[in-house]
Amino acid sequence: MPDALTGTRLAVVAVADNNWRPAELVELAVVHIDDGAVVRGPLVWTVRPEHMPAPQAAKRVGVPFGRVAQGPPWAEVAEHVTEVLSGRALVAFDLPYAYRLLQRHLPDWRPPRVVDVLALARIAWPELRVFDLPHLLIRAGVDPDDMVGRSPIADATATATVLLAAVRSGAIPPGYLTGEQHP
C-alpha cells in the first residue's frame, strides 16, 4: 500500500441532479476506501426531488426516470447518508459540484477534508492533455468501456479507480490525503 493511503478514510462520491436551479439531488453513489482498499460500495440513494427532472434529463445523467419517480424524498435518507459520509474525507472527480450539492442537502455536515481527484490526476500524470474519466481510466490501465457509463454509480466506481491509480503512481506525497501535507 502506498504511504499516501496510510490512515485514510475516504468517501468517494458521484452525484446527479434534477437539472433545475437550484439543483436538487436525484442520485448519490458512495464508495468507501480505507487505507487504500475499497471496503464498501458503491452505496446508492436515488431520491425523488421536489421538482422532478424531465425524463430526458434524468436519462442524460444515467438515472432512469422511473427510479427517480419511485424514490423516497431526501428527508427519508438524509440521516443515513450523513452517517455514511461522517468522519471521512470527501473525494470526487467534480469536487466543487458534488460538494455544493451535498452541502445544499446536508447543511450541518462538514467533511474533515476534501480531495479533488481531477487535481490528483494532474499531479500524477502531468503529461496528459485530456483529464476526463475515460482518459484517466485508460491511463490507470482500465478499459473505460468496461466501467464508465452515465450514472453516479459508474462515476463513483471510476473515480475510486482513478484515485487509487493516481496514488499508486508515486506522485502523491505521504500525508496528502489525510491533510498533513500538500504537493
N, C-alpha and C. Protein backbone atom coordinates (compact mmCIF):
# COMPACT_ATOMS: atom_id res chain seq x y z
N MET A 1 0.85 -1.19 0.00
CA MET A 1 0.00 0.00 0.00
C MET A 1 0.89 1.24 0.00
N PRO A 2 0.65 2.19 -0.92
CA PRO A 2 1.43 3.42 -0.92
C PRO A 2 1.21 4.21 0.37
N ASP A 3 2.28 4.87 0.83
CA ASP A 3 2.20 5.64 2.07
C ASP A 3 1.12 6.71 2.03
N ALA A 4 0.82 7.25 0.86
CA ALA A 4 -0.20 8.30 0.76
C ALA A 4 -1.58 7.81 1.19
N LEU A 5 -1.79 6.50 1.23
CA LEU A 5 -3.08 5.95 1.62
C LEU A 5 -3.15 5.52 3.08
N THR A 6 -2.03 5.53 3.77
CA THR A 6 -1.99 5.12 5.16
C THR A 6 -2.85 6.05 6.02
N GLY A 7 -3.74 5.47 6.78
CA GLY A 7 -4.57 6.24 7.69
C GLY A 7 -5.75 6.94 7.05
N THR A 8 -6.05 6.62 5.80
CA THR A 8 -7.15 7.32 5.13
C THR A 8 -8.48 6.63 5.34
N ARG A 9 -9.50 7.44 5.46
CA ARG A 9 -10.90 7.00 5.46
C ARG A 9 -11.59 7.93 4.48
N LEU A 10 -11.87 7.40 3.29
CA LEU A 10 -12.36 8.23 2.20
C LEU A 10 -13.78 7.83 1.81
N ALA A 11 -14.56 8.82 1.41
CA ALA A 11 -15.88 8.60 0.81
C ALA A 11 -15.81 9.19 -0.59
N VAL A 12 -15.68 8.31 -1.57
CA VAL A 12 -15.64 8.74 -2.98
C VAL A 12 -17.08 8.84 -3.45
N VAL A 13 -17.46 10.03 -3.93
CA VAL A 13 -18.86 10.26 -4.28
C VAL A 13 -19.02 10.68 -5.73
N ALA A 14 -20.20 10.40 -6.25
CA ALA A 14 -20.66 10.96 -7.53
C ALA A 14 -22.14 11.25 -7.36
N VAL A 15 -22.59 12.33 -7.97
CA VAL A 15 -23.96 12.79 -7.79
C VAL A 15 -24.61 13.10 -9.14
N ALA A 16 -25.93 13.12 -9.14
CA ALA A 16 -26.72 13.60 -10.28
C ALA A 16 -27.82 14.49 -9.73
N ASP A 17 -28.12 15.55 -10.48
CA ASP A 17 -29.17 16.46 -10.02
C ASP A 17 -30.36 16.46 -10.99
N ASN A 18 -31.37 17.24 -10.65
CA ASN A 18 -32.62 17.27 -11.41
C ASN A 18 -32.63 18.26 -12.57
N ASN A 19 -31.52 18.94 -12.79
CA ASN A 19 -31.38 19.90 -13.88
C ASN A 19 -32.27 21.13 -13.67
N TRP A 20 -32.59 21.43 -12.42
CA TRP A 20 -33.31 22.65 -12.06
C TRP A 20 -32.32 23.58 -11.38
N ARG A 21 -32.71 24.81 -11.17
CA ARG A 21 -31.90 25.75 -10.40
C ARG A 21 -32.77 26.34 -9.31
N PRO A 22 -32.42 26.19 -8.04
CA PRO A 22 -31.24 25.46 -7.58
C PRO A 22 -31.40 23.95 -7.77
N ALA A 23 -30.29 23.32 -7.97
CA ALA A 23 -30.28 21.88 -8.23
C ALA A 23 -30.70 21.10 -6.99
N GLU A 24 -31.40 20.00 -7.23
CA GLU A 24 -31.77 19.06 -6.18
C GLU A 24 -31.17 17.71 -6.53
N LEU A 25 -30.70 17.01 -5.54
CA LEU A 25 -30.10 15.70 -5.73
C LEU A 25 -31.14 14.69 -6.20
N VAL A 26 -30.79 13.87 -7.20
CA VAL A 26 -31.64 12.75 -7.57
C VAL A 26 -30.94 11.42 -7.33
N GLU A 27 -29.60 11.43 -7.38
CA GLU A 27 -28.89 10.18 -7.06
C GLU A 27 -27.52 10.50 -6.49
N LEU A 28 -27.13 9.70 -5.51
CA LEU A 28 -25.82 9.79 -4.86
C LEU A 28 -25.25 8.38 -4.77
N ALA A 29 -24.00 8.23 -5.20
CA ALA A 29 -23.30 6.95 -5.04
C ALA A 29 -22.04 7.21 -4.24
N VAL A 30 -21.73 6.30 -3.32
CA VAL A 30 -20.58 6.46 -2.42
C VAL A 30 -19.79 5.15 -2.39
N VAL A 31 -18.47 5.27 -2.53
CA VAL A 31 -17.55 4.14 -2.37
C VAL A 31 -16.64 4.49 -1.20
N HIS A 32 -16.55 3.59 -0.21
CA HIS A 32 -15.64 3.79 0.92
C HIS A 32 -14.29 3.15 0.62
N ILE A 33 -13.23 3.92 0.88
CA ILE A 33 -11.86 3.41 0.77
C ILE A 33 -11.18 3.68 2.11
N ASP A 34 -10.68 2.63 2.73
CA ASP A 34 -9.93 2.75 3.98
C ASP A 34 -8.53 2.20 3.77
N ASP A 35 -7.53 3.01 4.09
CA ASP A 35 -6.13 2.59 3.96
C ASP A 35 -5.82 1.98 2.59
N GLY A 36 -6.43 2.52 1.54
CA GLY A 36 -6.12 2.09 0.18
C GLY A 36 -6.93 0.93 -0.34
N ALA A 37 -7.89 0.45 0.41
CA ALA A 37 -8.71 -0.68 -0.04
C ALA A 37 -10.18 -0.27 -0.10
N VAL A 38 -10.85 -0.66 -1.17
CA VAL A 38 -12.29 -0.43 -1.25
C VAL A 38 -12.93 -1.38 -0.25
N VAL A 39 -13.63 -0.82 0.71
CA VAL A 39 -14.20 -1.64 1.78
C VAL A 39 -15.74 -1.68 1.73
N ARG A 40 -16.33 -0.81 0.93
CA ARG A 40 -17.79 -0.77 0.89
C ARG A 40 -18.25 0.03 -0.32
N GLY A 41 -19.24 -0.49 -1.02
CA GLY A 41 -19.86 0.30 -2.06
C GLY A 41 -19.70 -0.28 -3.43
N PRO A 42 -20.33 0.35 -4.38
CA PRO A 42 -20.99 1.63 -4.21
C PRO A 42 -22.34 1.51 -3.49
N LEU A 43 -22.53 2.40 -2.54
CA LEU A 43 -23.81 2.57 -1.87
C LEU A 43 -24.57 3.60 -2.68
N VAL A 44 -25.84 3.40 -2.89
CA VAL A 44 -26.59 4.28 -3.79
C VAL A 44 -27.91 4.70 -3.16
N TRP A 45 -28.20 5.99 -3.31
CA TRP A 45 -29.50 6.53 -2.92
C TRP A 45 -30.07 7.26 -4.13
N THR A 46 -31.23 6.83 -4.56
CA THR A 46 -31.97 7.55 -5.60
C THR A 46 -33.17 8.17 -4.91
N VAL A 47 -33.30 9.48 -5.03
CA VAL A 47 -34.35 10.19 -4.31
C VAL A 47 -35.24 10.97 -5.26
N ARG A 48 -36.46 11.19 -4.80
CA ARG A 48 -37.43 11.97 -5.57
C ARG A 48 -37.32 13.42 -5.12
N PRO A 49 -36.85 14.29 -6.01
CA PRO A 49 -36.73 15.70 -5.64
C PRO A 49 -38.08 16.39 -5.63
N GLU A 50 -38.13 17.55 -5.05
CA GLU A 50 -39.37 18.34 -5.05
C GLU A 50 -39.77 18.69 -6.49
N HIS A 51 -38.78 19.01 -7.30
CA HIS A 51 -39.01 19.33 -8.71
C HIS A 51 -38.44 18.19 -9.55
N MET A 52 -39.33 17.41 -10.14
CA MET A 52 -38.90 16.25 -10.92
C MET A 52 -38.16 16.69 -12.19
N PRO A 53 -37.09 15.96 -12.54
CA PRO A 53 -36.42 16.26 -13.81
C PRO A 53 -37.29 15.78 -14.97
N ALA A 54 -37.08 16.37 -16.11
CA ALA A 54 -37.73 15.85 -17.31
C ALA A 54 -37.17 14.46 -17.57
N PRO A 55 -37.97 13.53 -18.11
CA PRO A 55 -37.45 12.17 -18.35
C PRO A 55 -36.15 12.15 -19.15
N GLN A 56 -36.02 13.02 -20.17
CA GLN A 56 -34.78 13.03 -20.94
C GLN A 56 -33.61 13.58 -20.14
N ALA A 57 -33.86 14.48 -19.20
CA ALA A 57 -32.78 15.00 -18.34
C ALA A 57 -32.29 13.91 -17.40
N ALA A 58 -33.19 13.11 -16.85
CA ALA A 58 -32.79 12.00 -15.98
C ALA A 58 -31.97 10.99 -16.77
N LYS A 59 -32.41 10.70 -17.99
CA LYS A 59 -31.68 9.75 -18.82
C LYS A 59 -30.28 10.25 -19.15
N ARG A 60 -30.14 11.56 -19.37
CA ARG A 60 -28.84 12.15 -19.71
C ARG A 60 -27.80 11.95 -18.61
N VAL A 61 -28.23 11.92 -17.36
CA VAL A 61 -27.29 11.71 -16.25
C VAL A 61 -27.25 10.26 -15.80
N GLY A 62 -27.93 9.37 -16.55
CA GLY A 62 -27.82 7.95 -16.29
C GLY A 62 -28.69 7.41 -15.17
N VAL A 63 -29.72 8.15 -14.81
CA VAL A 63 -30.62 7.70 -13.74
C VAL A 63 -31.99 7.50 -14.37
N PRO A 64 -32.50 6.28 -14.40
CA PRO A 64 -33.81 6.05 -15.00
C PRO A 64 -34.90 6.88 -14.32
N PHE A 65 -35.71 7.54 -15.13
CA PHE A 65 -36.77 8.41 -14.62
C PHE A 65 -37.69 7.67 -13.65
N GLY A 66 -38.04 6.43 -13.98
CA GLY A 66 -38.92 5.66 -13.10
C GLY A 66 -38.34 5.45 -11.72
N ARG A 67 -37.03 5.24 -11.67
CA ARG A 67 -36.36 5.05 -10.37
C ARG A 67 -36.41 6.34 -9.55
N VAL A 68 -36.26 7.48 -10.22
CA VAL A 68 -36.35 8.77 -9.52
C VAL A 68 -37.78 8.98 -9.03
N ALA A 69 -38.76 8.74 -9.89
CA ALA A 69 -40.16 8.95 -9.54
C ALA A 69 -40.60 8.09 -8.36
N GLN A 70 -40.00 6.90 -8.23
CA GLN A 70 -40.39 5.98 -7.15
C GLN A 70 -39.49 6.11 -5.91
N GLY A 71 -38.48 6.96 -6.00
CA GLY A 71 -37.56 7.09 -4.87
C GLY A 71 -38.20 7.81 -3.69
N PRO A 72 -37.60 7.63 -2.51
CA PRO A 72 -38.11 8.36 -1.35
C PRO A 72 -37.69 9.82 -1.42
N PRO A 73 -38.36 10.69 -0.69
CA PRO A 73 -37.89 12.07 -0.61
C PRO A 73 -36.58 12.12 0.17
N TRP A 74 -35.80 13.17 -0.06
CA TRP A 74 -34.49 13.31 0.58
C TRP A 74 -34.57 13.18 2.10
N ALA A 75 -35.59 13.74 2.70
CA ALA A 75 -35.71 13.72 4.17
C ALA A 75 -35.66 12.31 4.74
N GLU A 76 -36.12 11.32 3.96
CA GLU A 76 -36.12 9.94 4.45
C GLU A 76 -34.75 9.28 4.42
N VAL A 77 -33.80 9.80 3.66
CA VAL A 77 -32.48 9.16 3.57
C VAL A 77 -31.36 10.04 4.11
N ALA A 78 -31.64 11.29 4.41
CA ALA A 78 -30.60 12.25 4.81
C ALA A 78 -29.78 11.77 6.01
N GLU A 79 -30.43 11.21 7.01
CA GLU A 79 -29.71 10.76 8.21
C GLU A 79 -28.75 9.61 7.87
N HIS A 80 -29.20 8.66 7.06
CA HIS A 80 -28.35 7.54 6.68
C HIS A 80 -27.16 8.01 5.84
N VAL A 81 -27.41 8.93 4.92
CA VAL A 81 -26.33 9.49 4.09
C VAL A 81 -25.31 10.19 4.99
N THR A 82 -25.77 10.96 5.94
CA THR A 82 -24.86 11.66 6.86
C THR A 82 -23.98 10.66 7.60
N GLU A 83 -24.56 9.56 8.07
CA GLU A 83 -23.78 8.52 8.76
C GLU A 83 -22.71 7.93 7.85
N VAL A 84 -23.05 7.69 6.58
CA VAL A 84 -22.12 7.08 5.63
C VAL A 84 -20.97 8.03 5.30
N LEU A 85 -21.24 9.33 5.29
CA LEU A 85 -20.20 10.31 4.94
C LEU A 85 -19.39 10.78 6.15
N SER A 86 -19.95 10.70 7.33
CA SER A 86 -19.31 11.28 8.52
C SER A 86 -17.95 10.65 8.82
N GLY A 87 -17.02 11.52 9.18
CA GLY A 87 -15.67 11.09 9.57
C GLY A 87 -14.80 10.67 8.41
N ARG A 88 -15.23 10.90 7.19
CA ARG A 88 -14.48 10.52 6.01
C ARG A 88 -14.17 11.74 5.16
N ALA A 89 -12.99 11.75 4.55
CA ALA A 89 -12.68 12.79 3.59
C ALA A 89 -13.59 12.63 2.39
N LEU A 90 -14.11 13.73 1.88
CA LEU A 90 -14.96 13.70 0.69
C LEU A 90 -14.06 13.73 -0.53
N VAL A 91 -14.26 12.77 -1.43
CA VAL A 91 -13.46 12.64 -2.65
C VAL A 91 -14.41 12.64 -3.83
N ALA A 92 -14.12 13.45 -4.85
CA ALA A 92 -14.96 13.48 -6.04
C ALA A 92 -14.13 13.91 -7.23
N PHE A 93 -14.59 13.52 -8.41
CA PHE A 93 -13.94 13.96 -9.64
C PHE A 93 -14.30 15.41 -9.93
N ASP A 94 -15.56 15.76 -9.80
CA ASP A 94 -16.01 17.15 -9.96
C ASP A 94 -16.34 17.66 -8.56
N LEU A 95 -15.30 17.88 -7.78
CA LEU A 95 -15.45 18.19 -6.36
C LEU A 95 -16.32 19.42 -6.08
N PRO A 96 -16.10 20.55 -6.74
CA PRO A 96 -16.94 21.72 -6.40
C PRO A 96 -18.43 21.46 -6.58
N TYR A 97 -18.80 20.80 -7.67
CA TYR A 97 -20.20 20.50 -7.93
C TYR A 97 -20.75 19.53 -6.89
N ALA A 98 -20.06 18.43 -6.64
CA ALA A 98 -20.53 17.43 -5.68
C ALA A 98 -20.64 18.03 -4.27
N TYR A 99 -19.63 18.79 -3.88
CA TYR A 99 -19.62 19.37 -2.54
C TYR A 99 -20.78 20.36 -2.36
N ARG A 100 -20.98 21.24 -3.36
CA ARG A 100 -22.09 22.21 -3.27
C ARG A 100 -23.44 21.51 -3.19
N LEU A 101 -23.62 20.49 -4.00
CA LEU A 101 -24.90 19.78 -3.99
C LEU A 101 -25.13 19.07 -2.65
N LEU A 102 -24.10 18.44 -2.12
CA LEU A 102 -24.24 17.78 -0.82
C LEU A 102 -24.46 18.80 0.30
N GLN A 103 -23.76 19.92 0.26
CA GLN A 103 -23.95 20.96 1.28
C GLN A 103 -25.37 21.52 1.26
N ARG A 104 -25.94 21.64 0.07
CA ARG A 104 -27.31 22.14 -0.04
C ARG A 104 -28.28 21.18 0.64
N HIS A 105 -27.97 19.89 0.61
CA HIS A 105 -28.87 18.88 1.18
C HIS A 105 -28.51 18.50 2.61
N LEU A 106 -27.25 18.71 2.98
CA LEU A 106 -26.78 18.38 4.35
C LEU A 106 -26.07 19.61 4.93
N PRO A 107 -26.81 20.67 5.24
CA PRO A 107 -26.17 21.93 5.64
C PRO A 107 -25.33 21.86 6.90
N ASP A 108 -25.57 20.90 7.78
CA ASP A 108 -24.79 20.79 9.02
C ASP A 108 -23.60 19.85 8.90
N TRP A 109 -23.48 19.15 7.79
CA TRP A 109 -22.39 18.18 7.59
C TRP A 109 -21.15 18.90 7.05
N ARG A 110 -20.01 18.56 7.60
CA ARG A 110 -18.73 19.09 7.12
C ARG A 110 -17.73 17.94 7.07
N PRO A 111 -17.16 17.66 5.90
CA PRO A 111 -16.15 16.60 5.84
C PRO A 111 -14.86 17.09 6.48
N PRO A 112 -14.07 16.18 7.05
CA PRO A 112 -12.80 16.60 7.66
C PRO A 112 -11.78 17.07 6.62
N ARG A 113 -11.97 16.67 5.37
CA ARG A 113 -11.06 17.04 4.28
C ARG A 113 -11.79 16.81 2.97
N VAL A 114 -11.42 17.56 1.95
CA VAL A 114 -11.95 17.33 0.61
C VAL A 114 -10.77 17.05 -0.31
N VAL A 115 -10.98 16.13 -1.24
CA VAL A 115 -9.93 15.73 -2.17
C VAL A 115 -10.51 15.75 -3.58
N ASP A 116 -9.87 16.52 -4.43
CA ASP A 116 -10.29 16.65 -5.82
C ASP A 116 -9.48 15.68 -6.67
N VAL A 117 -10.12 14.64 -7.19
CA VAL A 117 -9.43 13.62 -7.98
C VAL A 117 -8.89 14.21 -9.27
N LEU A 118 -9.56 15.19 -9.82
CA LEU A 118 -9.03 15.85 -11.02
C LEU A 118 -7.68 16.50 -10.71
N ALA A 119 -7.56 17.16 -9.57
CA ALA A 119 -6.28 17.76 -9.18
C ALA A 119 -5.21 16.69 -8.95
N LEU A 120 -5.60 15.58 -8.31
CA LEU A 120 -4.63 14.49 -8.10
C LEU A 120 -4.16 13.91 -9.43
N ALA A 121 -5.07 13.77 -10.39
CA ALA A 121 -4.70 13.23 -11.70
C ALA A 121 -3.71 14.17 -12.40
N ARG A 122 -3.90 15.45 -12.26
CA ARG A 122 -2.98 16.42 -12.87
C ARG A 122 -1.58 16.33 -12.24
N ILE A 123 -1.52 16.01 -10.96
CA ILE A 123 -0.23 15.83 -10.28
C ILE A 123 0.41 14.51 -10.72
N ALA A 124 -0.39 13.45 -10.76
CA ALA A 124 0.13 12.13 -11.07
C ALA A 124 0.56 11.98 -12.53
N TRP A 125 -0.22 12.58 -13.44
CA TRP A 125 0.03 12.39 -14.87
C TRP A 125 0.04 13.73 -15.60
N PRO A 126 1.02 14.58 -15.32
CA PRO A 126 1.04 15.92 -15.94
C PRO A 126 1.20 15.88 -17.46
N GLU A 127 1.65 14.77 -18.00
CA GLU A 127 1.83 14.67 -19.46
C GLU A 127 0.52 14.53 -20.23
N LEU A 128 -0.56 14.21 -19.55
CA LEU A 128 -1.85 14.05 -20.24
C LEU A 128 -2.38 15.39 -20.72
N ARG A 129 -3.11 15.34 -21.82
CA ARG A 129 -3.72 16.55 -22.36
C ARG A 129 -5.21 16.62 -22.02
N VAL A 130 -5.84 15.47 -21.83
CA VAL A 130 -7.27 15.40 -21.55
C VAL A 130 -7.45 14.71 -20.19
N PHE A 131 -8.24 15.33 -19.33
CA PHE A 131 -8.42 14.82 -17.97
C PHE A 131 -9.88 14.48 -17.67
N ASP A 132 -10.55 13.77 -18.57
CA ASP A 132 -11.89 13.30 -18.27
C ASP A 132 -11.77 11.85 -17.77
N LEU A 133 -12.86 11.33 -17.21
CA LEU A 133 -12.79 9.99 -16.62
C LEU A 133 -12.38 8.90 -17.62
N PRO A 134 -12.90 8.87 -18.85
CA PRO A 134 -12.45 7.82 -19.76
C PRO A 134 -10.94 7.85 -20.03
N HIS A 135 -10.38 9.03 -20.26
CA HIS A 135 -8.93 9.12 -20.50
C HIS A 135 -8.13 8.75 -19.25
N LEU A 136 -8.62 9.14 -18.09
CA LEU A 136 -7.91 8.80 -16.86
C LEU A 136 -7.99 7.30 -16.57
N LEU A 137 -9.10 6.68 -16.90
CA LEU A 137 -9.19 5.22 -16.73
C LEU A 137 -8.19 4.51 -17.64
N ILE A 138 -8.05 4.98 -18.87
CA ILE A 138 -7.05 4.39 -19.78
C ILE A 138 -5.67 4.53 -19.17
N ARG A 139 -5.35 5.70 -18.64
CA ARG A 139 -4.03 5.92 -18.01
C ARG A 139 -3.85 5.01 -16.79
N ALA A 140 -4.97 4.69 -16.12
CA ALA A 140 -4.93 3.81 -14.95
C ALA A 140 -4.89 2.34 -15.35
N GLY A 141 -4.95 2.07 -16.66
CA GLY A 141 -4.87 0.69 -17.13
C GLY A 141 -6.21 -0.03 -17.17
N VAL A 142 -7.30 0.72 -17.22
CA VAL A 142 -8.64 0.13 -17.23
C VAL A 142 -9.32 0.53 -18.53
N ASP A 143 -10.00 -0.42 -19.17
CA ASP A 143 -10.77 -0.12 -20.37
C ASP A 143 -12.02 0.66 -19.95
N PRO A 144 -12.15 1.90 -20.40
CA PRO A 144 -13.31 2.70 -19.97
C PRO A 144 -14.65 2.12 -20.41
N ASP A 145 -14.65 1.34 -21.48
CA ASP A 145 -15.91 0.72 -21.91
C ASP A 145 -16.41 -0.30 -20.89
N ASP A 146 -15.50 -0.81 -20.05
CA ASP A 146 -15.89 -1.75 -19.01
C ASP A 146 -16.45 -1.05 -17.78
N MET A 147 -16.25 0.27 -17.67
CA MET A 147 -16.57 0.93 -16.42
C MET A 147 -17.45 2.16 -16.55
N VAL A 148 -17.11 3.08 -17.40
CA VAL A 148 -17.80 4.36 -17.39
C VAL A 148 -19.12 4.28 -18.13
N GLY A 149 -20.16 4.63 -17.44
CA GLY A 149 -21.46 4.82 -18.04
C GLY A 149 -21.87 6.22 -17.65
N ARG A 150 -23.04 6.57 -17.93
CA ARG A 150 -23.53 7.87 -17.49
C ARG A 150 -24.40 7.64 -16.27
N SER A 151 -23.78 7.44 -15.13
CA SER A 151 -24.54 7.29 -13.89
C SER A 151 -23.63 7.58 -12.72
N PRO A 152 -24.18 8.03 -11.61
CA PRO A 152 -23.36 8.22 -10.42
C PRO A 152 -22.69 6.92 -9.96
N ILE A 153 -23.36 5.79 -10.13
CA ILE A 153 -22.77 4.51 -9.71
C ILE A 153 -21.48 4.26 -10.49
N ALA A 154 -21.55 4.38 -11.81
CA ALA A 154 -20.37 4.17 -12.65
C ALA A 154 -19.31 5.22 -12.37
N ASP A 155 -19.72 6.47 -12.19
CA ASP A 155 -18.75 7.54 -11.96
C ASP A 155 -18.05 7.40 -10.61
N ALA A 156 -18.75 6.98 -9.57
CA ALA A 156 -18.11 6.79 -8.26
C ALA A 156 -17.09 5.67 -8.33
N THR A 157 -17.44 4.58 -9.01
CA THR A 157 -16.53 3.46 -9.16
C THR A 157 -15.31 3.86 -9.99
N ALA A 158 -15.53 4.58 -11.08
CA ALA A 158 -14.43 5.05 -11.92
C ALA A 158 -13.53 6.03 -11.16
N THR A 159 -14.13 6.93 -10.41
CA THR A 159 -13.36 7.90 -9.64
C THR A 159 -12.49 7.20 -8.60
N ALA A 160 -13.04 6.20 -7.92
CA ALA A 160 -12.24 5.44 -6.95
C ALA A 160 -11.06 4.75 -7.64
N THR A 161 -11.30 4.20 -8.82
CA THR A 161 -10.24 3.53 -9.58
C THR A 161 -9.14 4.51 -9.96
N VAL A 162 -9.53 5.68 -10.45
CA VAL A 162 -8.55 6.71 -10.84
C VAL A 162 -7.78 7.21 -9.62
N LEU A 163 -8.48 7.43 -8.51
CA LEU A 163 -7.81 7.86 -7.28
C LEU A 163 -6.72 6.88 -6.87
N LEU A 164 -7.07 5.60 -6.81
CA LEU A 164 -6.09 4.59 -6.38
C LEU A 164 -4.92 4.51 -7.36
N ALA A 165 -5.19 4.61 -8.65
CA ALA A 165 -4.10 4.57 -9.64
C ALA A 165 -3.21 5.80 -9.52
N ALA A 166 -3.80 6.97 -9.29
CA ALA A 166 -3.01 8.19 -9.14
C ALA A 166 -2.09 8.09 -7.93
N VAL A 167 -2.60 7.56 -6.85
CA VAL A 167 -1.77 7.40 -5.65
C VAL A 167 -0.67 6.37 -5.89
N ARG A 168 -1.02 5.27 -6.55
CA ARG A 168 -0.02 4.23 -6.82
C ARG A 168 1.05 4.69 -7.81
N SER A 169 0.81 5.79 -8.51
CA SER A 169 1.81 6.32 -9.44
C SER A 169 3.04 6.81 -8.69
N GLY A 170 2.89 7.05 -7.39
CA GLY A 170 4.01 7.53 -6.58
C GLY A 170 4.15 9.04 -6.54
N ALA A 171 3.33 9.76 -7.29
CA ALA A 171 3.45 11.22 -7.35
C ALA A 171 2.73 11.94 -6.21
N ILE A 172 1.87 11.23 -5.49
CA ILE A 172 1.11 11.84 -4.40
C ILE A 172 1.88 11.61 -3.10
N PRO A 173 2.28 12.70 -2.43
CA PRO A 173 3.13 12.54 -1.25
C PRO A 173 2.39 11.94 -0.06
N PRO A 174 3.12 11.22 0.80
CA PRO A 174 2.52 10.71 2.04
C PRO A 174 1.90 11.88 2.82
N GLY A 175 0.73 11.65 3.38
CA GLY A 175 0.07 12.68 4.17
C GLY A 175 -0.84 13.60 3.39
N TYR A 176 -0.77 13.56 2.07
CA TYR A 176 -1.61 14.48 1.28
C TYR A 176 -3.10 14.18 1.47
N LEU A 177 -3.47 12.92 1.41
CA LEU A 177 -4.89 12.57 1.51
C LEU A 177 -5.43 12.72 2.91
N THR A 178 -4.57 12.77 3.91
CA THR A 178 -5.03 12.98 5.28
C THR A 178 -4.95 14.44 5.68
N GLY A 179 -4.44 15.29 4.78
CA GLY A 179 -4.37 16.72 5.05
C GLY A 179 -3.12 17.14 5.77
N GLU A 180 -2.17 16.25 5.93
CA GLU A 180 -0.94 16.59 6.64
C GLU A 180 0.11 17.22 5.74
N GLN A 181 -0.06 17.10 4.42
CA GLN A 181 0.92 17.63 3.50
C GLN A 181 0.25 17.96 2.17
N HIS A 182 0.77 18.96 1.49
CA HIS A 182 0.26 19.32 0.16
C HIS A 182 1.38 19.14 -0.86
N PRO A 183 1.01 18.69 -2.07
CA PRO A 183 2.05 18.51 -3.10
C PRO A 183 2.60 19.85 -3.58
